[in-house]
Amino acid sequence: MTDLTLYHNPRCSKSRGALELLEAQGLAPTVVRYLETPLDAAQLERLLGKLGLTARQLLRTGEEEYATLNLADASLSQAQLIAAIAAHPKLMERPILETADKAMIGRPPEKILEILP
């Protein structure tokens, strides 16, 4: 399988675990270090579609930026939340494995195996 993309933060143990699981399966995903190469709004919308989630569900609520930007405000739109994630990629839940037609957050890391054929 060649069209696997792992949105990865090497400092995160769950993200490292997901990459190790894929490699143990003999898979070599394209690794995107999303903190260094953030996704833009269009990419985030596409990824959310594959995940079947809203932007709010993709947010890491424990991050300082979540509080600083007042992202708990329920009146914020999907577009506003996507813009916040694009501007502050640390807010995006991780790791995420993306295939041609699906995506899965690897929490726990073994969850990513559910979307492999």
PDB file of N, CA and C in Angstrom:
ATOM      1  N   MET A   1       0.866  -1.183   0.000  1.00  0.00           N
ATOM      2  CA  MET A   1       0.000   0.000   0.000  1.00  0.00           C
ATOM      3  C   MET A   1       0.896   1.224   0.000  1.00  0.00           C
ATOM      4  N   THR A   2       0.729   2.058  -0.968  1.00  0.00           N
ATOM      5  CA  THR A   2       1.612   3.211  -1.087  1.00  0.00           C
ATOM      6  C   THR A   2       0.958   4.520  -0.672  1.00  0.00           C
ATOM      7  N   ASP A   3      -0.364   4.596  -0.712  1.00  0.00           N
ATOM      8  CA  ASP A   3      -0.987   5.872  -0.406  1.00  0.00           C
ATOM      9  C   ASP A   3      -1.410   5.969   1.063  1.00  0.00           C
ATOM     10  N   LEU A   4      -0.427   5.843   1.926  1.00  0.00           N
ATOM     11  CA  LEU A   4      -0.613   6.030   3.366  1.00  0.00           C
ATOM     12  C   LEU A   4       0.151   7.273   3.780  1.00  0.00           C
ATOM     13  N   THR A   5      -0.518   8.134   4.522  1.00  0.00           N
ATOM     14  CA  THR A   5       0.132   9.323   5.053  1.00  0.00           C
ATOM     15  C   THR A   5      -0.082   9.337   6.557  1.00  0.00           C
ATOM     16  N   LEU A   6       0.997   9.510   7.294  1.00  0.00           N
ATOM     17  CA  LEU A   6       0.917   9.606   8.744  1.00  0.00           C
ATOM     18  C   LEU A   6       1.265  11.030   9.147  1.00  0.00           C
ATOM     19  N   TYR A   7       0.296  11.708   9.758  1.00  0.00           N
ATOM     20  CA  TYR A   7       0.540  13.043  10.306  1.00  0.00           C
ATOM     21  C   TYR A   7       1.138  12.807  11.680  1.00  0.00           C
ATOM     22  N   HIS A   8       2.402  13.189  11.816  1.00  0.00           N
ATOM     23  CA  HIS A   8       3.269  12.687  12.876  1.00  0.00           C
ATOM     24  C   HIS A   8       3.943  13.808  13.648  1.00  0.00           C
ATOM     25  N   ASN A   9       4.030  13.606  14.955  1.00  0.00           N
ATOM     26  CA  ASN A   9       4.831  14.458  15.827  1.00  0.00           C
ATOM     27  C   ASN A   9       5.812  13.524  16.523  1.00  0.00           C
ATOM     28  N   PRO A  10       7.085  13.559  16.156  1.00  0.00           N
ATOM     29  CA  PRO A  10       8.043  12.606  16.711  1.00  0.00           C
ATOM     30  C   PRO A  10       8.238  12.739  18.224  1.00  0.00           C
ATOM     31  N   ARG A  11       7.804  13.836  18.822  1.00  0.00           N
ATOM     32  CA  ARG A  11       7.926  14.002  20.271  1.00  0.00           C
ATOM     33  C   ARG A  11       6.782  13.332  21.029  1.00  0.00           C
ATOM     34  N   CYS A  12       5.777  12.854  20.300  1.00  0.00           N
ATOM     35  CA  CYS A  12       4.595  12.237  20.900  1.00  0.00           C
ATOM     36  C   CYS A  12       4.748  10.716  20.918  1.00  0.00           C
ATOM     37  N   SER A  13       4.596  10.115  22.085  1.00  0.00           N
ATOM     38  CA  SER A  13       4.763   8.658  22.190  1.00  0.00           C
ATOM     39  C   SER A  13       3.698   7.912  21.393  1.00  0.00           C
ATOM     40  N   LYS A  14       2.477   8.435  21.336  1.00  0.00           N
ATOM     41  CA  LYS A  14       1.413   7.779  20.561  1.00  0.00           C
ATOM     42  C   LYS A  14       1.741   7.829  19.069  1.00  0.00           C
ATOM     43  N   SER A  15       2.294   8.939  18.639  1.00  0.00           N
ATOM     44  CA  SER A  15       2.659   9.093  17.236  1.00  0.00           C
ATOM     45  C   SER A  15       3.818   8.149  16.879  1.00  0.00           C
ATOM     46  N   ARG A  16       4.801   8.089  17.744  1.00  0.00           N
ATOM     47  CA  ARG A  16       5.915   7.154  17.502  1.00  0.00           C
ATOM     48  C   ARG A  16       5.411   5.713  17.491  1.00  0.00           C
ATOM     49  N   GLY A  17       4.480   5.399  18.391  1.00  0.00           N
ATOM     50  CA  GLY A  17       3.914   4.052  18.446  1.00  0.00           C
ATOM     51  C   GLY A  17       3.168   3.700  17.176  1.00  0.00           C
ATOM     52  N   ALA A  18       2.432   4.662  16.625  1.00  0.00           N
ATOM     53  CA  ALA A  18       1.703   4.418  15.381  1.00  0.00           C
ATOM     54  C   ALA A  18       2.663   4.130  14.235  1.00  0.00           C
ATOM     55  N   LEU A  19       3.737   4.903  14.151  1.00  0.00           N
ATOM     56  CA  LEU A  19       4.722   4.686  13.091  1.00  0.00           C
ATOM     57  C   LEU A  19       5.369   3.312  13.247  1.00  0.00           C
ATOM     58  N   GLU A  20       5.695   2.929  14.465  1.00  0.00           N
ATOM     59  CA  GLU A  20       6.282   1.605  14.716  1.00  0.00           C
ATOM     60  C   GLU A  20       5.323   0.488  14.305  1.00  0.00           C
ATOM     61  N   LEU A  21       4.039   0.653  14.602  1.00  0.00           N
ATOM     62  CA  LEU A  21       3.045  -0.354  14.201  1.00  0.00           C
ATOM     63  C   LEU A  21       3.000  -0.517  12.687  1.00  0.00           C
ATOM     64  N   LEU A  22       2.996   0.595  11.978  1.00  0.00           N
ATOM     65  CA  LEU A  22       2.962   0.537  10.518  1.00  0.00           C
ATOM     66  C   LEU A  22       4.216  -0.141   9.975  1.00  0.00           C
ATOM     67  N   GLU A  23       5.365   0.237  10.509  1.00  0.00           N
ATOM     68  CA  GLU A  23       6.618  -0.365  10.050  1.00  0.00           C
ATOM     69  C   GLU A  23       6.653  -1.860  10.353  1.00  0.00           C
ATOM     70  N   ALA A  24       6.093  -2.271  11.491  1.00  0.00           N
ATOM     71  CA  ALA A  24       6.031  -3.695  11.841  1.00  0.00           C
ATOM     72  C   ALA A  24       5.148  -4.474  10.863  1.00  0.00           C
ATOM     73  N   GLN A  25       4.202  -3.776  10.225  1.00  0.00           N
ATOM     74  CA  GLN A  25       3.344  -4.386   9.202  1.00  0.00           C
ATOM     75  C   GLN A  25       4.019  -4.377   7.830  1.00  0.00           C
ATOM     76  N   GLY A  26       5.245  -3.863   7.770  1.00  0.00           N
ATOM     77  CA  GLY A  26       5.962  -3.766   6.504  1.00  0.00           C
ATOM     78  C   GLY A  26       5.525  -2.580   5.662  1.00  0.00           C
ATOM     79  N   LEU A  27       4.881  -1.604   6.284  1.00  0.00           N
ATOM     80  CA  LEU A  27       4.376  -0.435   5.567  1.00  0.00           C
ATOM     81  C   LEU A  27       5.283   0.764   5.795  1.00  0.00           C
ATOM     82  N   ALA A  28       5.446   1.556   4.757  1.00  0.00           N
ATOM     83  CA  ALA A  28       6.282   2.756   4.842  1.00  0.00           C
ATOM     84  C   ALA A  28       5.432   3.958   4.432  1.00  0.00           C
ATOM     85  N   PRO A  29       4.705   4.533   5.378  1.00  0.00           N
ATOM     86  CA  PRO A  29       3.854   5.667   5.028  1.00  0.00           C
ATOM     87  C   PRO A  29       4.673   6.910   4.717  1.00  0.00           C
ATOM     88  N   THR A  30       4.055   7.815   3.988  1.00  0.00           N
ATOM     89  CA  THR A  30       4.620   9.153   3.857  1.00  0.00           C
ATOM     90  C   THR A  30       4.415   9.810   5.212  1.00  0.00           C
ATOM     91  N   VAL A  31       5.489  10.287   5.800  1.00  0.00           N
ATOM     92  CA  VAL A  31       5.399  10.903   7.120  1.00  0.00           C
ATOM     93  C   VAL A  31       5.401  12.412   6.959  1.00  0.00           C
ATOM     94  N   VAL A  32       4.336  13.031   7.464  1.00  0.00           N
ATOM     95  CA  VAL A  32       4.219  14.482   7.434  1.00  0.00           C
ATOM     96  C   VAL A  32       4.376  14.986   8.862  1.00  0.00           C
ATOM     97  N   ARG A  33       5.449  15.695   9.088  1.00  0.00           N
ATOM     98  CA  ARG A  33       5.640  16.328  10.398  1.00  0.00           C
ATOM     99  C   ARG A  33       4.835  17.626  10.376  1.00  0.00           C
ATOM    100  N   TYR A  34       3.589  17.507  10.771  1.00  0.00           N
ATOM    101  CA  TYR A  34       2.629  18.596  10.577  1.00  0.00           C
ATOM    102  C   TYR A  34       2.942  19.844  11.390  1.00  0.00           C
ATOM    103  N   LEU A  35       3.792  19.742  12.408  1.00  0.00           N
ATOM    104  CA  LEU A  35       4.199  20.950  13.126  1.00  0.00           C
ATOM    105  C   LEU A  35       5.170  21.767  12.284  1.00  0.00           C
ATOM    106  N   GLU A  36       5.955  21.084  11.446  1.00  0.00           N
ATOM    107  CA  GLU A  36       6.901  21.758  10.561  1.00  0.00           C
ATOM    108  C   GLU A  36       6.259  22.124   9.225  1.00  0.00           C
ATOM    109  N   THR A  37       5.308  21.311   8.789  1.00  0.00           N
ATOM    110  CA  THR A  37       4.616  21.520   7.526  1.00  0.00           C
ATOM    111  C   THR A  37       3.115  21.495   7.814  1.00  0.00           C
ATOM    112  N   PRO A  38       2.578  22.605   8.335  1.00  0.00           N
ATOM    113  CA  PRO A  38       1.159  22.616   8.729  1.00  0.00           C
ATOM    114  C   PRO A  38       0.216  22.440   7.537  1.00  0.00           C
ATOM    115  N   LEU A  39      -0.925  21.840   7.817  1.00  0.00           N
ATOM    116  CA  LEU A  39      -1.960  21.697   6.801  1.00  0.00           C
ATOM    117  C   LEU A  39      -2.687  23.026   6.664  1.00  0.00           C
ATOM    118  N   ASP A  40      -3.081  23.360   5.434  1.00  0.00           N
ATOM    119  CA  ASP A  40      -3.871  24.571   5.241  1.00  0.00           C
ATOM    120  C   ASP A  40      -5.346  24.226   5.438  1.00  0.00           C
ATOM    121  N   ALA A  41      -6.198  25.234   5.373  1.00  0.00           N
ATOM    122  CA  ALA A  41      -7.625  25.039   5.640  1.00  0.00           C
ATOM    123  C   ALA A  41      -8.245  23.999   4.706  1.00  0.00           C
ATOM    124  N   ALA A  42      -7.912  24.048   3.428  1.00  0.00           N
ATOM    125  CA  ALA A  42      -8.483  23.086   2.477  1.00  0.00           C
ATOM    126  C   ALA A  42      -8.043  21.663   2.799  1.00  0.00           C
ATOM    127  N   GLN A  43      -6.786  21.487   3.131  1.00  0.00           N
ATOM    128  CA  GLN A  43      -6.283  20.153   3.502  1.00  0.00           C
ATOM    129  C   GLN A  43      -6.971  19.648   4.772  1.00  0.00           C
ATOM    130  N   LEU A  44      -7.152  20.537   5.749  1.00  0.00           N
ATOM    131  CA  LEU A  44      -7.833  20.152   6.982  1.00  0.00           C
ATOM    132  C   LEU A  44      -9.282  19.752   6.720  1.00  0.00           C
ATOM    133  N   GLU A  45      -9.975  20.494   5.867  1.00  0.00           N
ATOM    134  CA  GLU A  45     -11.364  20.150   5.535  1.00  0.00           C
ATOM    135  C   GLU A  45     -11.435  18.771   4.890  1.00  0.00           C
ATOM    136  N   ARG A  46     -10.520  18.498   3.971  1.00  0.00           N
ATOM    137  CA  ARG A  46     -10.485  17.182   3.299  1.00  0.00           C
ATOM    138  C   ARG A  46     -10.229  16.079   4.319  1.00  0.00           C
ATOM    139  N   LEU A  47      -9.268  16.311   5.224  1.00  0.00           N
ATOM    140  CA  LEU A  47      -8.927  15.321   6.236  1.00  0.00           C
ATOM    141  C   LEU A  47     -10.094  15.097   7.194  1.00  0.00           C
ATOM    142  N   LEU A  48     -10.762  16.171   7.598  1.00  0.00           N
ATOM    143  CA  LEU A  48     -11.926  16.038   8.480  1.00  0.00           C
ATOM    144  C   LEU A  48     -13.025  15.212   7.805  1.00  0.00           C
ATOM    145  N   GLY A  49     -13.195  15.394   6.499  1.00  0.00           N
ATOM    146  CA  GLY A  49     -14.177  14.597   5.762  1.00  0.00           C
ATOM    147  C   GLY A  49     -13.850  13.112   5.825  1.00  0.00           C
ATOM    148  N   LYS A  50     -12.588  12.783   5.672  1.00  0.00           N
ATOM    149  CA  LYS A  50     -12.178  11.379   5.741  1.00  0.00           C
ATOM    150  C   LYS A  50     -12.292  10.826   7.156  1.00  0.00           C
ATOM    151  N   LEU A  51     -12.065  11.682   8.141  1.00  0.00           N
ATOM    152  CA  LEU A  51     -12.176  11.264   9.539  1.00  0.00           C
ATOM    153  C   LEU A  51     -13.639  11.142   9.974  1.00  0.00           C
ATOM    154  N   GLY A  52     -14.518  11.889   9.302  1.00  0.00           N
ATOM    155  CA  GLY A  52     -15.912  11.928   9.721  1.00  0.00           C
ATOM    156  C   GLY A  52     -16.085  12.708  11.018  1.00  0.00           C
ATOM    157  N   LEU A  53     -15.238  13.724  11.206  1.00  0.00           N
ATOM    158  CA  LEU A  53     -15.257  14.523  12.427  1.00  0.00           C
ATOM    159  C   LEU A  53     -15.468  15.997  12.110  1.00  0.00           C
ATOM    160  N   THR A  54     -15.820  16.744  13.135  1.00  0.00           N
ATOM    161  CA  THR A  54     -15.858  18.195  13.026  1.00  0.00           C
ATOM    162  C   THR A  54     -14.503  18.734  13.470  1.00  0.00           C
ATOM    163  N   ALA A  55     -14.254  19.985  13.157  1.00  0.00           N
ATOM    164  CA  ALA A  55     -13.002  20.611  13.592  1.00  0.00           C
ATOM    165  C   ALA A  55     -12.901  20.599  15.116  1.00  0.00           C
ATOM    166  N   ARG A  56     -14.011  20.810  15.795  1.00  0.00           N
ATOM    167  CA  ARG A  56     -14.002  20.807  17.267  1.00  0.00           C
ATOM    168  C   ARG A  56     -13.514  19.460  17.803  1.00  0.00           C
ATOM    169  N   GLN A  57     -13.886  18.372  17.142  1.00  0.00           N
ATOM    170  CA  GLN A  57     -13.478  17.037  17.585  1.00  0.00           C
ATOM    171  C   GLN A  57     -11.998  16.758  17.324  1.00  0.00           C
ATOM    172  N   LEU A  58     -11.393  17.546  16.464  1.00  0.00           N
ATOM    173  CA  LEU A  58      -9.977  17.374  16.139  1.00  0.00           C
ATOM    174  C   LEU A  58      -9.063  18.186  17.062  1.00  0.00           C
ATOM    175  N   LEU A  59      -9.659  19.071  17.846  1.00  0.00           N
ATOM    176  CA  LEU A  59      -8.877  19.969  18.704  1.00  0.00           C
ATOM    177  C   LEU A  59      -8.307  19.260  19.928  1.00  0.00           C
ATOM    178  N   ARG A  60      -7.079  19.609  20.241  1.00  0.00           N
ATOM    179  CA  ARG A  60      -6.447  19.174  21.488  1.00  0.00           C
ATOM    180  C   ARG A  60      -6.770  20.249  22.534  1.00  0.00           C
ATOM    181  N   THR A  61      -7.714  19.949  23.391  1.00  0.00           N
ATOM    182  CA  THR A  61      -8.214  20.943  24.335  1.00  0.00           C
ATOM    183  C   THR A  61      -7.246  21.256  25.471  1.00  0.00           C
ATOM    184  N   GLY A  62      -6.243  20.431  25.650  1.00  0.00           N
ATOM    185  CA  GLY A  62      -5.280  20.667  26.723  1.00  0.00           C
ATOM    186  C   GLY A  62      -4.143  21.609  26.354  1.00  0.00           C
ATOM    187  N   GLU A  63      -4.084  21.998  25.094  1.00  0.00           N
ATOM    188  CA  GLU A  63      -3.005  22.886  24.652  1.00  0.00           C
ATOM    189  C   GLU A  63      -3.260  24.319  25.117  1.00  0.00           C
ATOM    190  N   GLU A  64      -2.182  25.024  25.419  1.00  0.00           N
ATOM    191  CA  GLU A  64      -2.268  26.417  25.876  1.00  0.00           C
ATOM    192  C   GLU A  64      -3.026  27.286  24.874  1.00  0.00           C
ATOM    193  N   GLU A  65      -2.785  27.060  23.583  1.00  0.00           N
ATOM    194  CA  GLU A  65      -3.434  27.847  22.535  1.00  0.00           C
ATOM    195  C   GLU A  65      -4.957  27.694  22.567  1.00  0.00           C
ATOM    196  N   TYR A  66      -5.428  26.540  22.996  1.00  0.00           N
ATOM    197  CA  TYR A  66      -6.869  26.313  23.073  1.00  0.00           C
ATOM    198  C   TYR A  66      -7.505  27.330  24.020  1.00  0.00           C
ATOM    199  N   ALA A  67      -6.888  27.515  25.174  1.00  0.00           N
ATOM    200  CA  ALA A  67      -7.404  28.487  26.140  1.00  0.00           C
ATOM    201  C   ALA A  67      -7.140  29.919  25.682  1.00  0.00           C
ATOM    202  N   THR A  68      -5.924  30.182  25.217  1.00  0.00           N
ATOM    203  CA  THR A  68      -5.539  31.531  24.798  1.00  0.00           C
ATOM    204  C   THR A  68      -6.451  32.064  23.691  1.00  0.00           C
ATOM    205  N   LEU A  69      -6.807  31.198  22.750  1.00  0.00           N
ATOM    206  CA  LEU A  69      -7.639  31.606  21.621  1.00  0.00           C
ATOM    207  C   LEU A  69      -9.144  31.479  21.916  1.00  0.00           C
ATOM    208  N   ASN A  70      -9.468  31.069  23.148  1.00  0.00           N
ATOM    209  CA  ASN A  70     -10.869  30.920  23.574  1.00  0.00           C
ATOM    210  C   ASN A  70     -11.640  29.979  22.646  1.00  0.00           C
ATOM    211  N   LEU A  71     -11.019  28.848  22.318  1.00  0.00           N
ATOM    212  CA  LEU A  71     -11.632  27.915  21.371  1.00  0.00           C
ATOM    213  C   LEU A  71     -12.761  27.098  21.981  1.00  0.00           C
ATOM    214  N   ALA A  72     -12.961  27.194  23.283  1.00  0.00           N
ATOM    215  CA  ALA A  72     -14.096  26.527  23.915  1.00  0.00           C
ATOM    216  C   ALA A  72     -15.400  27.249  23.606  1.00  0.00           C
ATOM    217  N   ASP A  73     -15.324  28.447  23.063  1.00  0.00           N
ATOM    218  CA  ASP A  73     -16.495  29.246  22.721  1.00  0.00           C
ATOM    219  C   ASP A  73     -17.346  28.482  21.696  1.00  0.00           C
ATOM    220  N   ALA A  74     -18.519  28.051  22.117  1.00  0.00           N
ATOM    221  CA  ALA A  74     -19.393  27.240  21.265  1.00  0.00           C
ATOM    222  C   ALA A  74     -19.921  27.998  20.055  1.00  0.00           C
ATOM    223  N   SER A  75     -19.795  29.318  20.060  1.00  0.00           N
ATOM    224  CA  SER A  75     -20.299  30.092  18.916  1.00  0.00           C
ATOM    225  C   SER A  75     -19.318  30.132  17.752  1.00  0.00           C
ATOM    226  N   LEU A  76     -18.111  29.620  17.947  1.00  0.00           N
ATOM    227  CA  LEU A  76     -17.131  29.615  16.860  1.00  0.00           C
ATOM    228  C   LEU A  76     -17.573  28.645  15.761  1.00  0.00           C
ATOM    229  N   SER A  77     -17.431  29.081  14.536  1.00  0.00           N
ATOM    230  CA  SER A  77     -17.845  28.261  13.394  1.00  0.00           C
ATOM    231  C   SER A  77     -16.786  27.216  13.059  1.00  0.00           C
ATOM    232  N   GLN A  78     -17.193  26.263  12.244  1.00  0.00           N
ATOM    233  CA  GLN A  78     -16.264  25.249  11.727  1.00  0.00           C
ATOM    234  C   GLN A  78     -15.086  25.928  11.031  1.00  0.00           C
ATOM    235  N   ALA A  79     -15.370  26.931  10.202  1.00  0.00           N
ATOM    236  CA  ALA A  79     -14.309  27.635   9.469  1.00  0.00           C
ATOM    237  C   ALA A  79     -13.351  28.334  10.430  1.00  0.00           C
ATOM    238  N   GLN A  80     -13.862  28.909  11.489  1.00  0.00           N
ATOM    239  CA  GLN A  80     -12.999  29.581  12.466  1.00  0.00           C
ATOM    240  C   GLN A  80     -12.108  28.573  13.182  1.00  0.00           C
ATOM    241  N   LEU A  81     -12.655  27.417  13.517  1.00  0.00           N
ATOM    242  CA  LEU A  81     -11.858  26.389  14.193  1.00  0.00           C
ATOM    243  C   LEU A  81     -10.797  25.818  13.256  1.00  0.00           C
ATOM    244  N   ILE A  82     -11.163  25.608  12.000  1.00  0.00           N
ATOM    245  CA  ILE A  82     -10.192  25.118  11.015  1.00  0.00           C
ATOM    246  C   ILE A  82      -9.076  26.143  10.848  1.00  0.00           C
ATOM    247  N   ALA A  83      -9.421  27.405  10.779  1.00  0.00           N
ATOM    248  CA  ALA A  83      -8.406  28.458  10.652  1.00  0.00           C
ATOM    249  C   ALA A  83      -7.472  28.454  11.863  1.00  0.00           C
ATOM    250  N   ALA A  84      -8.009  28.217  13.044  1.00  0.00           N
ATOM    251  CA  ALA A  84      -7.177  28.166  14.254  1.00  0.00           C
ATOM    252  C   ALA A  84      -6.208  26.991  14.200  1.00  0.00           C
ATOM    253  N   ILE A  85      -6.689  25.837  13.749  1.00  0.00           N
ATOM    254  CA  ILE A  85      -5.812  24.662  13.635  1.00  0.00           C
ATOM    255  C   ILE A  85      -4.739  24.900  12.583  1.00  0.00           C
ATOM    256  N   ALA A  86      -5.119  25.498  11.468  1.00  0.00           N
ATOM    257  CA  ALA A  86      -4.149  25.782  10.411  1.00  0.00           C
ATOM    258  C   ALA A  86      -3.070  26.742  10.905  1.00  0.00           C
ATOM    259  N   ALA A  87      -3.461  27.726  11.688  1.00  0.00           N
ATOM    260  CA  ALA A  87      -2.510  28.719  12.195  1.00  0.00           C
ATOM    261  C   ALA A  87      -1.690  28.190  13.376  1.00  0.00           C
ATOM    262  N   HIS A  88      -2.249  27.229  14.097  1.00  0.00           N
ATOM    263  CA  HIS A  88      -1.601  26.669  15.288  1.00  0.00           C
ATOM    264  C   HIS A  88      -1.688  25.142  15.219  1.00  0.00           C
ATOM    265  N   PRO A  89      -0.855  24.515  14.389  1.00  0.00           N
ATOM    266  CA  PRO A  89      -0.981  23.066  14.148  1.00  0.00           C
ATOM    267  C   PRO A  89      -0.848  22.210  15.401  1.00  0.00           C
ATOM    268  N   LYS A  90      -0.276  22.761  16.450  1.00  0.00           N
ATOM    269  CA  LYS A  90      -0.160  22.036  17.717  1.00  0.00           C
ATOM    270  C   LYS A  90      -1.541  21.650  18.253  1.00  0.00           C
ATOM    271  N   LEU A  91      -2.577  22.358  17.809  1.00  0.00           N
ATOM    272  CA  LEU A  91      -3.942  22.097  18.261  1.00  0.00           C
ATOM    273  C   LEU A  91      -4.549  20.835  17.651  1.00  0.00           C
ATOM    274  N   MET A  92      -3.925  20.287  16.607  1.00  0.00           N
ATOM    275  CA  MET A  92      -4.485  19.124  15.919  1.00  0.00           C
ATOM    276  C   MET A  92      -4.163  17.839  16.668  1.00  0.00           C
ATOM    277  N   GLU A  93      -5.187  17.030  16.871  1.00  0.00           N
ATOM    278  CA  GLU A  93      -5.011  15.727  17.505  1.00  0.00           C
ATOM    279  C   GLU A  93      -4.045  14.899  16.665  1.00  0.00           C
ATOM    280  N   ARG A  94      -3.341  13.998  17.303  1.00  0.00           N
ATOM    281  CA  ARG A  94      -2.332  13.194  16.619  1.00  0.00           C
ATOM    282  C   ARG A  94      -2.241  11.815  17.260  1.00  0.00           C
ATOM    283  N   PRO A  95      -1.641  10.891  16.558  1.00  0.00           N
ATOM    284  CA  PRO A  95      -1.298  10.870  15.135  1.00  0.00           C
ATOM    285  C   PRO A  95      -2.549  10.594  14.304  1.00  0.00           C
ATOM    286  N   ILE A  96      -2.459  10.899  13.033  1.00  0.00           N
ATOM    287  CA  ILE A  96      -3.559  10.598  12.109  1.00  0.00           C
ATOM    288  C   ILE A  96      -2.976   9.837  10.929  1.00  0.00           C
ATOM    289  N   LEU A  97      -3.586   8.689  10.633  1.00  0.00           N
ATOM    290  CA  LEU A  97      -3.226   7.932   9.431  1.00  0.00           C
ATOM    291  C   LEU A  97      -4.298   8.190   8.387  1.00  0.00           C
ATOM    292  N   GLU A  98      -3.853   8.554   7.191  1.00  0.00           N
ATOM    293  CA  GLU A  98      -4.766   8.811   6.085  1.00  0.00           C
ATOM    294  C   GLU A  98      -4.486   7.823   4.962  1.00  0.00           C
ATOM    295  N   THR A  99      -5.561   7.226   4.436  1.00  0.00           N
ATOM    296  CA  THR A  99      -5.468   6.376   3.248  1.00  0.00           C
ATOM    297  C   THR A  99      -6.150   7.131   2.107  1.00  0.00           C
ATOM    298  N   ALA A 100      -6.325   6.472   0.991  1.00  0.00           N
ATOM    299  CA  ALA A 100      -6.953   7.124  -0.159  1.00  0.00           C
ATOM    300  C   ALA A 100      -8.372   7.607   0.150  1.00  0.00           C
ATOM    301  N   ASP A 101      -9.098   6.858   0.983  1.00  0.00           N
ATOM    302  CA  ASP A 101     -10.501   7.224   1.216  1.00  0.00           C
ATOM    303  C   ASP A 101     -10.918   7.340   2.677  1.00  0.00           C
ATOM    304  N   LYS A 102     -10.005   7.076   3.618  1.00  0.00           N
ATOM    305  CA  LYS A 102     -10.346   7.133   5.034  1.00  0.00           C
ATOM    306  C   LYS A 102      -9.198   7.743   5.824  1.00  0.00           C
ATOM    307  N   ALA A 103      -9.502   8.063   7.070  1.00  0.00           N
ATOM    308  CA  ALA A 103      -8.464   8.502   8.002  1.00  0.00           C
ATOM    309  C   ALA A 103      -8.882   8.078   9.407  1.00  0.00           C
ATOM    310  N   MET A 104      -7.899   7.955  10.293  1.00  0.00           N
ATOM    311  CA  MET A 104      -8.166   7.537  11.664  1.00  0.00           C
ATOM    312  C   MET A 104      -7.146   8.188  12.587  1.00  0.00           C
ATOM    313  N   ILE A 105      -7.645   8.677  13.722  1.00  0.00           N
ATOM    314  CA  ILE A 105      -6.757   9.187  14.759  1.00  0.00           C
ATOM    315  C   ILE A 105      -6.236   7.985  15.539  1.00  0.00           C
ATOM    316  N   GLY A 106      -4.946   7.936  15.744  1.00  0.00           N
ATOM    317  CA  GLY A 106      -4.304   6.817  16.430  1.00  0.00           C
ATOM    318  C   GLY A 106      -4.252   6.975  17.938  1.00  0.00           C
ATOM    319  N   ARG A 107      -5.412   7.022  18.559  1.00  0.00           N
ATOM    320  CA  ARG A 107      -5.516   7.082  20.021  1.00  0.00           C
ATOM    321  C   ARG A 107      -6.477   6.004  20.459  1.00  0.00           C
ATOM    322  N   PRO A 108      -5.980   4.881  20.914  1.00  0.00           N
ATOM    323  CA  PRO A 108      -4.588   4.466  21.002  1.00  0.00           C
ATOM    324  C   PRO A 108      -4.011   4.176  19.611  1.00  0.00           C
ATOM    325  N   PRO A 109      -2.695   4.045  19.523  1.00  0.00           N
ATOM    326  CA  PRO A 109      -2.059   3.855  18.213  1.00  0.00           C
ATOM    327  C   PRO A 109      -2.647   2.705  17.394  1.00  0.00           C
ATOM    328  N   GLU A 110      -3.100   1.659  18.063  1.00  0.00           N
ATOM    329  CA  GLU A 110      -3.651   0.487  17.363  1.00  0.00           C
ATOM    330  C   GLU A 110      -4.894   0.816  16.540  1.00  0.00           C
ATOM    331  N   LYS A 111      -5.553   1.930  16.835  1.00  0.00           N
ATOM    332  CA  LYS A 111      -6.755   2.323  16.081  1.00  0.00           C
ATOM    333  C   LYS A 111      -6.456   2.489  14.596  1.00  0.00           C
ATOM    334  N   ILE A 112      -5.244   2.903  14.252  1.00  0.00           N
ATOM    335  CA  ILE A 112      -4.931   3.125  12.836  1.00  0.00           C
ATOM    336  C   ILE A 112      -5.012   1.836  12.024  1.00  0.00           C
ATOM    337  N   LEU A 113      -4.815   0.699  12.687  1.00  0.00           N
ATOM    338  CA  LEU A 113      -4.851  -0.581  11.970  1.00  0.00           C
ATOM    339  C   LEU A 113      -6.250  -0.876  11.443  1.00  0.00           C
ATOM    340  N   GLU A 114      -7.281  -0.247  12.017  1.00  0.00           N
ATOM    341  CA  GLU A 114      -8.669  -0.494  11.605  1.00  0.00           C
ATOM    342  C   GLU A 114      -8.946  -0.043  10.169  1.00  0.00           C
ATOM    343  N   ILE A 115      -8.168   0.881   9.648  1.00  0.00           N
ATOM    344  CA  ILE A 115      -8.456   1.360   8.279  1.00  0.00           C
ATOM    345  C   ILE A 115      -7.527   0.742   7.237  1.00  0.00           C
ATOM    346  N   LEU A 116      -6.674  -0.163   7.660  1.00  0.00           N
ATOM    347  CA  LEU A 116      -5.810  -0.851   6.699  1.00  0.00           C
ATOM    348  C   LEU A 116      -6.579  -2.012   6.091  1.00  0.00           C
ATOM    349  N   PRO A 117      -6.386  -2.258   4.805  1.00  0.00           N
ATOM    350  CA  PRO A 117      -7.115  -3.374   4.169  1.00  0.00           C
ATOM    351  C   PRO A 117      -6.608  -4.725   4.662  1.00  0.00           C
TER     352      PRO A 117
END
